[in-house]
C-alpha atoms as a PDB file:
ATOM      1  CA  MET A   1    -215.250  16.301 -41.928  1.00  0.00           C
ATOM      2  CA  THR A   2    -217.293  14.893 -44.812  1.00  0.00           C
ATOM      3  CA  ALA A   3    -218.435  11.454 -45.947  1.00  0.00           C
ATOM      4  CA  THR A   4    -215.670  11.533 -48.568  1.00  0.00           C
ATOM      5  CA  ASP A   5    -212.900  11.781 -45.934  1.00  0.00           C
ATOM      6  CA  THR A   6    -211.481   9.626 -43.180  1.00  0.00           C
ATOM      7  CA  VAL A   7    -209.445  10.537 -40.111  1.00  0.00           C
ATOM      8  CA  ASP A   8    -206.792   7.872 -39.617  1.00  0.00           C
ATOM      9  CA  ALA A   9    -204.707   7.261 -36.502  1.00  0.00           C
ATOM     10  CA  PHE A  10    -200.970   6.595 -36.700  1.00  0.00           C
ATOM     11  CA  HIS A  11    -198.394   5.769 -34.022  1.00  0.00           C
ATOM     12  CA  ARG A  12    -201.184   4.148 -31.976  1.00  0.00           C
ATOM     13  CA  GLY A  13    -203.100   7.407 -31.831  1.00  0.00           C
ATOM     14  CA  GLY A  14    -200.034   9.613 -31.480  1.00  0.00           C
ATOM     15  CA  PHE A  15    -201.270  11.730 -34.377  1.00  0.00           C
ATOM     16  CA  HIS A  16    -204.013  11.664 -37.018  1.00  0.00           C
ATOM     17  CA  VAL A  17    -204.291  12.368 -40.747  1.00  0.00           C
ATOM     18  CA  VAL A  18    -207.298  13.466 -42.820  1.00  0.00           C
ATOM     19  CA  GLN A  19    -207.326  11.490 -46.079  1.00  0.00           C
ATOM     20  CA  PRO A  20    -209.654  11.160 -49.070  1.00  0.00           C
ATOM     21  CA  LYS A  21    -211.891   8.101 -48.877  1.00  0.00           C
ATOM     22  CA  GLY A  22    -211.885   5.703 -51.818  1.00  0.00           C
ATOM     23  CA  ARG A  23    -209.640   7.810 -54.026  1.00  0.00           C
ATOM     24  CA  GLY A  24    -206.202   9.338 -54.182  1.00  0.00           C
ATOM     25  CA  HIS A  25    -203.134   8.034 -52.375  1.00  0.00           C
ATOM     26  CA  ARG A  26    -203.751   6.845 -48.827  1.00  0.00           C
ATOM     27  CA  SER A  27    -200.707   6.753 -46.583  1.00  0.00           C
ATOM     28  CA  GLY A  28    -199.759   3.709 -44.565  1.00  0.00           C
ATOM     29  CA  MET A  29    -196.694   1.669 -43.700  1.00  0.00           C
ATOM     30  CA  ASP A  30    -194.453   3.226 -46.391  1.00  0.00           C
ATOM     31  CA  ALA A  31    -194.873   6.646 -44.792  1.00  0.00           C
ATOM     32  CA  MET A  32    -194.068   5.326 -41.324  1.00  0.00           C
ATOM     33  CA  LEU A  33    -190.927   3.526 -42.525  1.00  0.00           C
ATOM     34  CA  LEU A  34    -189.824   6.680 -44.315  1.00  0.00           C
ATOM     35  CA  ALA A  35    -190.336   8.762 -41.176  1.00  0.00           C
ATOM     36  CA  ALA A  36    -188.291   6.257 -39.152  1.00  0.00           C
ATOM     37  CA  LEU A  37    -185.220   7.125 -41.255  1.00  0.00           C
ATOM     38  CA  VAL A  38    -184.936  10.501 -39.521  1.00  0.00           C
ATOM     39  CA  ALA A  39    -182.928   9.770 -36.370  1.00  0.00           C
ATOM     40  CA  ASP A  40    -181.930  13.192 -35.055  1.00  0.00           C
ATOM     41  CA  ASN A  41    -182.803  14.632 -31.658  1.00  0.00           C
ATOM     42  CA  ARG A  42    -181.331  18.084 -32.373  1.00  0.00           C
ATOM     43  CA  PRO A  43    -183.491  21.065 -33.316  1.00  0.00           C
ATOM     44  CA  VAL A  44    -183.694  20.364 -37.051  1.00  0.00           C
ATOM     45  CA  ARG A  45    -185.692  21.460 -40.086  1.00  0.00           C
ATOM     46  CA  VAL A  46    -187.183  18.638 -42.161  1.00  0.00           C
ATOM     47  CA  ALA A  47    -188.664  18.906 -45.655  1.00  0.00           C
ATOM     48  CA  ASP A  48    -191.176  16.285 -46.780  1.00  0.00           C
ATOM     49  CA  LEU A  49    -191.284  16.397 -50.586  1.00  0.00           C
ATOM     50  CA  GLY A  50    -194.523  15.210 -52.195  1.00  0.00           C
ATOM     51  CA  ALA A  51    -196.051  15.036 -48.745  1.00  0.00           C
ATOM     52  CA  GLY A  52    -199.641  14.218 -49.726  1.00  0.00           C
ATOM     53  CA  ALA A  53    -201.850  14.536 -46.643  1.00  0.00           C
ATOM     54  CA  GLY A  54    -198.722  14.765 -44.494  1.00  0.00           C
ATOM     55  CA  ALA A  55    -198.427  11.366 -42.799  1.00  0.00           C
ATOM     56  CA  ALA A  56    -194.631  10.972 -43.021  1.00  0.00           C
ATOM     57  CA  GLY A  57    -193.832  14.524 -42.015  1.00  0.00           C
ATOM     58  CA  LEU A  58    -196.324  14.444 -39.149  1.00  0.00           C
ATOM     59  CA  ALA A  59    -194.790  11.156 -37.988  1.00  0.00           C
ATOM     60  CA  VAL A  60    -191.377  12.819 -37.809  1.00  0.00           C
ATOM     61  CA  ALA A  61    -192.766  15.782 -35.862  1.00  0.00           C
ATOM     62  CA  SER A  62    -194.693  13.485 -33.528  1.00  0.00           C
ATOM     63  CA  ARG A  63    -191.602  11.437 -32.650  1.00  0.00           C
ATOM     64  CA  LEU A  64    -188.989  14.218 -32.632  1.00  0.00           C
ATOM     65  CA  VAL A  65    -190.160  17.040 -30.380  1.00  0.00           C
ATOM     66  CA  ASP A  66    -187.473  19.478 -31.579  1.00  0.00           C
ATOM     67  CA  ALA A  67    -188.103  18.956 -35.312  1.00  0.00           C
ATOM     68  CA  GLU A  68    -189.731  21.615 -37.486  1.00  0.00           C
ATOM     69  CA  VAL A  69    -191.335  20.059 -40.577  1.00  0.00           C
ATOM     70  CA  VAL A  70    -192.424  21.638 -43.853  1.00  0.00           C
ATOM     71  CA  LEU A  71    -194.769  19.600 -46.059  1.00  0.00           C
ATOM     72  CA  PHE A  72    -194.323  20.350 -49.768  1.00  0.00           C
ATOM     73  CA  GLU A  73    -197.142  19.142 -52.021  1.00  0.00           C
ATOM     74  CA  ARG A  74    -197.935  20.018 -55.654  1.00  0.00           C
ATOM     75  CA  SER A  75    -201.636  19.083 -55.552  1.00  0.00           C
ATOM     76  CA  ALA A  76    -203.678  21.919 -54.057  1.00  0.00           C
ATOM     77  CA  GLU A  77    -206.310  19.415 -52.950  1.00  0.00           C
ATOM     78  CA  MET A  78    -203.829  17.175 -51.119  1.00  0.00           C
ATOM     79  CA  ALA A  79    -202.107  20.194 -49.602  1.00  0.00           C
ATOM     80  CA  ASP A  80    -205.511  21.186 -48.210  1.00  0.00           C
ATOM     81  CA  TYR A  81    -205.835  17.717 -46.649  1.00  0.00           C
ATOM     82  CA  ALA A  82    -202.444  18.254 -45.025  1.00  0.00           C
ATOM     83  CA  ARG A  83    -203.514  21.614 -43.609  1.00  0.00           C
ATOM     84  CA  ARG A  84    -206.710  20.083 -42.265  1.00  0.00           C
ATOM     85  CA  SER A  85    -204.658  17.287 -40.702  1.00  0.00           C
ATOM     86  CA  ILE A  86    -202.476  19.787 -38.853  1.00  0.00           C
ATOM     87  CA  LEU A  87    -205.572  21.496 -37.443  1.00  0.00           C
ATOM     88  CA  LEU A  88    -207.047  18.328 -35.938  1.00  0.00           C
ATOM     89  CA  PRO A  89    -207.381  18.659 -32.144  1.00  0.00           C
ATOM     90  CA  GLY A  90    -205.375  15.447 -31.694  1.00  0.00           C
ATOM     91  CA  ASN A  91    -202.440  17.031 -33.513  1.00  0.00           C
ATOM     92  CA  ALA A  92    -202.206  20.112 -31.296  1.00  0.00           C
ATOM     93  CA  HIS A  93    -198.874  18.898 -29.902  1.00  0.00           C
ATOM     94  CA  VAL A  94    -197.254  19.161 -33.360  1.00  0.00           C
ATOM     95  CA  ALA A  95    -199.314  21.897 -35.047  1.00  0.00           C
ATOM     96  CA  GLY A  96    -196.897  24.693 -34.141  1.00  0.00           C
ATOM     97  CA  ARG A  97    -193.979  22.854 -35.753  1.00  0.00           C
ATOM     98  CA  VAL A  98    -195.560  21.703 -39.035  1.00  0.00           C
ATOM     99  CA  SER A  99    -196.470  23.852 -42.044  1.00  0.00           C
ATOM    100  CA  VAL A 100    -197.634  23.230 -45.616  1.00  0.00           C
ATOM    101  CA  VAL A 101    -196.351  24.763 -48.848  1.00  0.00           C
ATOM    102  CA  THR A 102    -198.136  24.118 -52.137  1.00  0.00           C
ATOM    103  CA  ALA A 103    -195.240  23.784 -54.577  1.00  0.00           C
ATOM    104  CA  ASP A 104    -193.902  21.565 -57.352  1.00  0.00           C
ATOM    105  CA  VAL A 105    -190.692  19.958 -56.105  1.00  0.00           C
ATOM    106  CA  THR A 106    -189.322  19.757 -59.656  1.00  0.00           C
ATOM    107  CA  LEU A 107    -188.958  23.543 -59.931  1.00  0.00           C
ATOM    108  CA  THR A 108    -185.446  24.907 -60.423  1.00  0.00           C
ATOM    109  CA  ALA A 109    -183.286  27.900 -59.578  1.00  0.00           C
ATOM    110  CA  LYS A 110    -184.992  31.176 -58.561  1.00  0.00           C
ATOM    111  CA  VAL A 111    -188.501  29.851 -59.235  1.00  0.00           C
ATOM    112  CA  ARG A 112    -187.862  27.011 -56.794  1.00  0.00           C
ATOM    113  CA  ASN A 113    -186.612  29.423 -54.113  1.00  0.00           C
ATOM    114  CA  ASP A 114    -189.545  31.766 -54.665  1.00  0.00           C
ATOM    115  CA  ALA A 115    -191.916  28.818 -54.170  1.00  0.00           C
ATOM    116  CA  GLY A 116    -190.530  28.209 -50.668  1.00  0.00           C
ATOM    117  CA  LEU A 117    -187.977  25.503 -51.528  1.00  0.00           C
ATOM    118  CA  THR A 118    -185.152  27.654 -50.219  1.00  0.00           C
ATOM    119  CA  ASP A 119    -181.504  26.793 -50.814  1.00  0.00           C
ATOM    120  CA  GLU A 120    -179.568  25.184 -47.947  1.00  0.00           C
ATOM    121  CA  SER A 121    -182.339  25.549 -45.368  1.00  0.00           C
ATOM    122  CA  PHE A 122    -183.068  21.953 -44.250  1.00  0.00           C
ATOM    123  CA  HIS A 123    -181.138  19.360 -42.243  1.00  0.00           C
ATOM    124  CA  HIS A 124    -183.217  16.452 -43.551  1.00  0.00           C
ATOM    125  CA  VAL A 125    -185.207  15.877 -46.728  1.00  0.00           C
ATOM    126  CA  ILE A 126    -187.568  12.899 -46.922  1.00  0.00           C
ATOM    127  CA  MET A 127    -189.483  11.687 -49.961  1.00  0.00           C
ATOM    128  CA  ASN A 128    -191.778   8.921 -51.171  1.00  0.00           C
ATOM    129  CA  PRO A 129    -191.873   9.712 -54.911  1.00  0.00           C
ATOM    130  CA  PRO A 130    -194.445   8.250 -57.339  1.00  0.00           C
ATOM    131  CA  PHE A 131    -193.360   4.693 -58.083  1.00  0.00           C
ATOM    132  CA  ASN A 132    -195.443   3.316 -60.980  1.00  0.00           C
ATOM    133  CA  ASP A 133    -194.425   3.607 -64.607  1.00  0.00           C
ATOM    134  CA  ALA A 134    -196.739   6.111 -66.278  1.00  0.00           C
ATOM    135  CA  GLY A 135    -198.228   3.313 -68.410  1.00  0.00           C
ATOM    136  CA  ASP A 136    -198.913   0.967 -65.498  1.00  0.00           C
ATOM    137  CA  ARG A 137    -202.120   0.629 -63.521  1.00  0.00           C
ATOM    138  CA  ARG A 138    -204.062   3.241 -65.431  1.00  0.00           C
ATOM    139  CA  THR A 139    -206.783   4.695 -63.249  1.00  0.00           C
ATOM    140  CA  PRO A 140    -209.567   7.261 -63.732  1.00  0.00           C
ATOM    141  CA  ASP A 141    -208.727   8.531 -60.247  1.00  0.00           C
ATOM    142  CA  VAL A 142    -206.799  11.720 -61.052  1.00  0.00           C
ATOM    143  CA  LEU A 143    -205.498  12.171 -57.501  1.00  0.00           C
ATOM    144  CA  LYS A 144    -204.172   8.609 -57.396  1.00  0.00           C
ATOM    145  CA  ALA A 145    -202.646   8.817 -60.860  1.00  0.00           C
ATOM    146  CA  GLU A 146    -200.849  12.027 -59.939  1.00  0.00           C
ATOM    147  CA  ALA A 147    -199.477  10.514 -56.736  1.00  0.00           C
ATOM    148  CA  HIS A 148    -198.404   7.159 -58.204  1.00  0.00           C
ATOM    149  CA  ALA A 149    -197.275   7.709 -61.800  1.00  0.00           C
ATOM    150  CA  MET A 150    -193.594   8.344 -62.456  1.00  0.00           C
ATOM    151  CA  THR A 151    -192.395  10.879 -64.989  1.00  0.00           C
ATOM    152  CA  ASP A 152    -189.162  10.861 -66.959  1.00  0.00           C
ATOM    153  CA  ALA A 153    -186.104  11.711 -64.832  1.00  0.00           C
ATOM    154  CA  LEU A 154    -188.271  11.821 -61.702  1.00  0.00           C
ATOM    155  CA  PHE A 155    -185.488  10.841 -59.310  1.00  0.00           C
ATOM    156  CA  GLU A 156    -183.059  13.235 -60.978  1.00  0.00           C
ATOM    157  CA  SER A 157    -185.408  16.200 -60.500  1.00  0.00           C
ATOM    158  CA  TRP A 158    -186.529  15.306 -56.968  1.00  0.00           C
ATOM    159  CA  ILE A 159    -183.021  14.523 -55.698  1.00  0.00           C
ATOM    160  CA  ARG A 160    -181.659  17.649 -57.396  1.00  0.00           C
ATOM    161  CA  THR A 161    -184.150  19.689 -55.374  1.00  0.00           C
ATOM    162  CA  ALA A 162    -183.259  17.778 -52.197  1.00  0.00           C
ATOM    163  CA  GLY A 163    -179.591  18.607 -52.741  1.00  0.00           C
ATOM    164  CA  ALA A 164    -180.351  22.276 -53.336  1.00  0.00           C
ATOM    165  CA  ILE A 165    -182.509  22.847 -50.257  1.00  0.00           C
ATOM    166  CA  MET A 166    -180.347  20.837 -47.857  1.00  0.00           C
ATOM    167  CA  ILE A 167    -177.446  22.128 -45.788  1.00  0.00           C
ATOM    168  CA  PRO A 168    -174.006  20.524 -46.397  1.00  0.00           C
ATOM    169  CA  GLY A 169    -173.889  17.285 -44.429  1.00  0.00           C
ATOM    170  CA  GLY A 170    -177.683  16.995 -44.413  1.00  0.00           C
ATOM    171  CA  GLN A 171    -179.440  13.661 -44.885  1.00  0.00           C
ATOM    172  CA  LEU A 172    -181.631  12.524 -47.760  1.00  0.00           C
ATOM    173  CA  SER A 173    -184.089   9.723 -46.923  1.00  0.00           C
ATOM    174  CA  LEU A 174    -186.448   7.991 -49.308  1.00  0.00           C
ATOM    175  CA  ILE A 175    -188.513   4.870 -49.875  1.00  0.00           C
ATOM    176  CA  ALA A 176    -188.924   3.393 -53.342  1.00  0.00           C
ATOM    177  CA  ARG A 177    -189.273   0.178 -55.313  1.00  0.00           C
ATOM    178  CA  PRO A 178    -186.174  -2.011 -55.807  1.00  0.00           C
ATOM    179  CA  GLN A 179    -186.372  -1.439 -59.588  1.00  0.00           C
ATOM    180  CA  SER A 180    -185.383   2.192 -58.975  1.00  0.00           C
ATOM    181  CA  ILE A 181    -181.994   1.517 -57.346  1.00  0.00           C
ATOM    182  CA  ALA A 182    -179.942   2.410 -60.423  1.00  0.00           C
ATOM    183  CA  GLU A 183    -181.870   5.644 -61.052  1.00  0.00           C
ATOM    184  CA  ILE A 184    -181.516   6.701 -57.418  1.00  0.00           C
ATOM    185  CA  ILE A 185    -177.772   6.077 -57.313  1.00  0.00           C
ATOM    186  CA  THR A 186    -177.306   7.923 -60.608  1.00  0.00           C
ATOM    187  CA  ALA A 187    -179.385  10.867 -59.391  1.00  0.00           C
ATOM    188  CA  CYS A 188    -177.368  11.090 -56.172  1.00  0.00           C
ATOM    189  CA  GLY A 189    -174.268  11.428 -58.351  1.00  0.00           C
ATOM    190  CA  ARG A 190    -171.763  13.788 -56.762  1.00  0.00           C
ATOM    191  CA  ARG A 191    -174.458  15.526 -54.725  1.00  0.00           C
ATOM    192  CA  PHE A 192    -174.728  12.751 -52.146  1.00  0.00           C
ATOM    193  CA  GLY A 193    -172.482   9.995 -50.851  1.00  0.00           C
ATOM    194  CA  GLY A 194    -172.468   7.474 -48.038  1.00  0.00           C
ATOM    195  CA  ILE A 195    -175.546   5.882 -49.588  1.00  0.00           C
ATOM    196  CA  GLU A 196    -177.096   3.182 -47.414  1.00  0.00           C
ATOM    197  CA  ILE A 197    -179.706   0.862 -48.941  1.00  0.00           C
ATOM    198  CA  THR A 198    -181.970  -1.513 -47.042  1.00  0.00           C
ATOM    199  CA  ALA A 199    -184.144  -4.029 -48.892  1.00  0.00           C
ATOM    200  CA  ILE A 200    -187.586  -4.623 -47.363  1.00  0.00           C
ATOM    201  CA  HIS A 201    -188.962  -8.152 -47.755  1.00  0.00           C
ATOM    202  CA  PRO A 202    -192.559  -9.152 -46.928  1.00  0.00           C
ATOM    203  CA  ARG A 203    -191.445 -12.413 -45.283  1.00  0.00           C
ATOM    204  CA  PRO A 204    -188.323 -14.594 -45.081  1.00  0.00           C
ATOM    205  CA  GLY A 205    -187.534 -16.075 -48.508  1.00  0.00           C
ATOM    206  CA  GLU A 206    -189.707 -13.580 -50.431  1.00  0.00           C
ATOM    207  CA  ASN A 207    -188.342 -10.995 -52.855  1.00  0.00           C
ATOM    208  CA  ALA A 208    -187.928  -7.395 -51.747  1.00  0.00           C
ATOM    209  CA  VAL A 209    -190.868  -5.042 -52.457  1.00  0.00           C
ATOM    210  CA  ARG A 210    -189.371  -1.760 -51.241  1.00  0.00           C
ATOM    211  CA  ILE A 211    -186.005  -0.205 -50.498  1.00  0.00           C
ATOM    212  CA  LEU A 212    -185.064   2.369 -47.888  1.00  0.00           C
ATOM    213  CA  VAL A 213    -182.286   4.736 -48.937  1.00  0.00           C
ATOM    214  CA  THR A 214    -180.339   7.335 -46.989  1.00  0.00           C
ATOM    215  CA  ALA A 215    -177.462   9.505 -48.229  1.00  0.00           C
ATOM    216  CA  ILE A 216    -175.446  12.472 -46.991  1.00  0.00           C
ATOM    217  CA  LYS A 217    -174.962  15.701 -48.949  1.00  0.00           C
ATOM    218  CA  GLY A 218    -171.334  16.163 -49.896  1.00  0.00           C
ATOM    219  CA  SER A 219    -170.156  12.831 -48.466  1.00  0.00           C
ATOM    220  CA  ARG A 220    -167.589  10.784 -50.393  1.00  0.00           C
ATOM    221  CA  ALA A 221    -168.168   7.593 -48.402  1.00  0.00           C
ATOM    222  CA  ARG A 222    -168.895   4.435 -50.365  1.00  0.00           C
ATOM    223  CA  LEU A 223    -172.288   2.810 -50.791  1.00  0.00           C
ATOM    224  CA  SER A 224    -173.402   0.259 -48.180  1.00  0.00           C
ATOM    225  CA  LEU A 225    -176.033  -2.480 -48.379  1.00  0.00           C
ATOM    226  CA  ARG A 226    -177.598  -2.979 -44.971  1.00  0.00           C
ATOM    227  CA  ALA A 227    -179.119  -6.144 -43.577  1.00  0.00           C
ATOM    228  CA  ALA A 228    -182.559  -6.851 -45.040  1.00  0.00           C
ATOM    229  CA  LEU A 229    -185.639  -5.698 -43.154  1.00  0.00           C
ATOM    230  CA  ILE A 230    -188.367  -8.353 -42.845  1.00  0.00           C
ATOM    231  CA  MET A 231    -191.900  -6.992 -42.542  1.00  0.00           C
ATOM    232  CA  HIS A 232    -193.924  -9.972 -41.333  1.00  0.00           C
ATOM    233  CA  GLU A 233    -193.222 -13.091 -39.355  1.00  0.00           C
ATOM    234  CA  GLU A 234    -193.228 -16.264 -41.433  1.00  0.00           C
ATOM    235  CA  GLY A 235    -196.727 -17.504 -42.256  1.00  0.00           C
ATOM    236  CA  SER A 236    -198.294 -14.487 -40.566  1.00  0.00           C
ATOM    237  CA  HIS A 237    -199.487 -10.928 -41.152  1.00  0.00           C
ATOM    238  CA  LYS A 238    -198.015  -9.896 -37.800  1.00  0.00           C
ATOM    239  CA  PHE A 239    -195.238  -7.321 -38.054  1.00  0.00           C
ATOM    240  CA  THR A 240    -191.792  -8.293 -36.862  1.00  0.00           C
ATOM    241  CA  PRO A 241    -190.856  -6.488 -33.614  1.00  0.00           C
ATOM    242  CA  LEU A 242    -188.479  -3.992 -35.272  1.00  0.00           C
ATOM    243  CA  VAL A 243    -190.942  -3.064 -38.022  1.00  0.00           C
ATOM    244  CA  ASP A 244    -193.705  -2.716 -35.425  1.00  0.00           C
ATOM    245  CA  ASP A 245    -191.490  -0.277 -33.513  1.00  0.00           C
ATOM    246  CA  PHE A 246    -190.925   1.787 -36.666  1.00  0.00           C
ATOM    247  CA  ASN A 247    -194.622   1.696 -37.567  1.00  0.00           C
ATOM    248  CA  ASN A 248    -195.647   2.967 -34.156  1.00  0.00           C
ATOM    249  CA  GLY A 249    -192.964   5.600 -33.721  1.00  0.00           C
ATOM    250  CA  ARG A 250    -191.142   3.836 -30.917  1.00  0.00           C
ATOM    251  CA  ALA A 251    -187.793   3.711 -32.701  1.00  0.00           C
ATOM    252  CA  ALA A 252    -185.795   5.212 -35.551  1.00  0.00           C
ATOM    253  CA  TYR A 253    -183.739   3.421 -38.179  1.00  0.00           C
ATOM    254  CA  ALA A 254    -180.421   5.171 -37.582  1.00  0.00           C
ATOM    255  CA  ARG A 255    -177.626   5.123 -40.137  1.00  0.00           C
ATOM    256  CA  LEU A 256    -174.716   2.750 -39.595  1.00  0.00           C
END
């Protein structure tokens, strides 16, 4: 470990992640909420697209002892952080079930398969795509800019890949900003149905800041809006009991 890195505990010390200090994208609550969307105790294969240092995928593997997780990350530097995370002594209980592939999730056809994003090979695909408009929050931090800045048709390309690598009936799970709802629904198109959307609000009476989305490959079920998820108790920074359970890996946010 170097002075430019940190080792951060998640799930109350259930696993740890090596992350760059003072630069790049640092995982936190978003990754834990995303991981909570995988509620499946069967032996399953899970793909984490744009995994960064691996927090969400490692959270899934830590909670689900029969899950095999593949972390896909375009940035060679962040993929190296993910590999170093897996090798931490405190992650020995998941190391045999988690792997890293350096690959661009927007690849298509044979090139995508050759990169390790193999057709119809995963039961679950999770993703926390870049969420800022490319012109917003300009930063000299190249790692952070790469992780946070959206590109044109981002959801179309990421969800297209999710549909390709997922088995029929598999589940897509993602976390995004509310402004992206229309793009996500459009990108799901005829690939995914049974879309369930949950708005996440900081406190009662405050506007939503994130959405959780799940969908099923090949389903023709209609879209559902779930009850809102409130992060903090009113007038406090304390997590509500349900969110605290998700954050610490004690529960999953199962589909309706």
